[in-house]
Amino acid sequence: MNNKFVKFTNKVSKAAHTIGAVLLCFIFLLIVLEVIMRPFGKSFLAVGEVTEYAIVWCIFLALPYVTAENRHIKVDLITRLLPVKTQKILCIITNIFCIVFAVLLFWKGTELVYGAYIYDSRTVMLGLPEYLLKAVLPLSMVFFILELIVDIIKIVDYFRVDKENKDTSDVCVETQYEEAKKEAFVE
């Protein structure tokens, strides 16, 4: 596995996640401040606009990191009963589908950003350029795709390594076949 590529991707994902976490704290503080100020007849008109864009940024910035940490919500009722090798093959197929979907989102997100730039769209309250605020979509898709590629590389490496030395903790499949069989709904 190319360690430089993996380390770079992980660093970028962690940095994006950290920015998203800071934005989430900012949203929280902004809303608390808004709630405190309202009884005194004071209000910040742009709170809704700022929080809307900040929430979108939080979600999209967290996506690559969540992928790297294998923390997406999964429905694995049936797949966890399959052998580990089959689970990993299905994970590769799923990652390929996710890459195709992310490429489509990147493409359409780029069109969205370009349209906002060409028409010089601005936010209603603050007058900020919308293309800067919407740029998180294609940008996050690039790093999401990179994390999916890293996951595929890890799975392919899993198949290349000796069976005695395999470490599956950071690969797509978390539940081993025998453990899943014990947890099955069969009595």
Foldseek 3Di string as FASTA:
>chain_A
DPVVLVVVLQVQLVVLQVVLVVLVVVLVVLVVVQVVCVVVVDHDPCNVVSNVLSNVSSVLSNLLVCLQQLPDDDDCLPVLLDAPLVSLVVLLVVLVVLLVVLVVQLVVLVVVLVVLVVVQDADDPPRHRVSVSSVSRNVSSVSNNSSSVVLNVLSVVQVVDDPVPHDCCRHNDDRHNVNSVVVHPDD
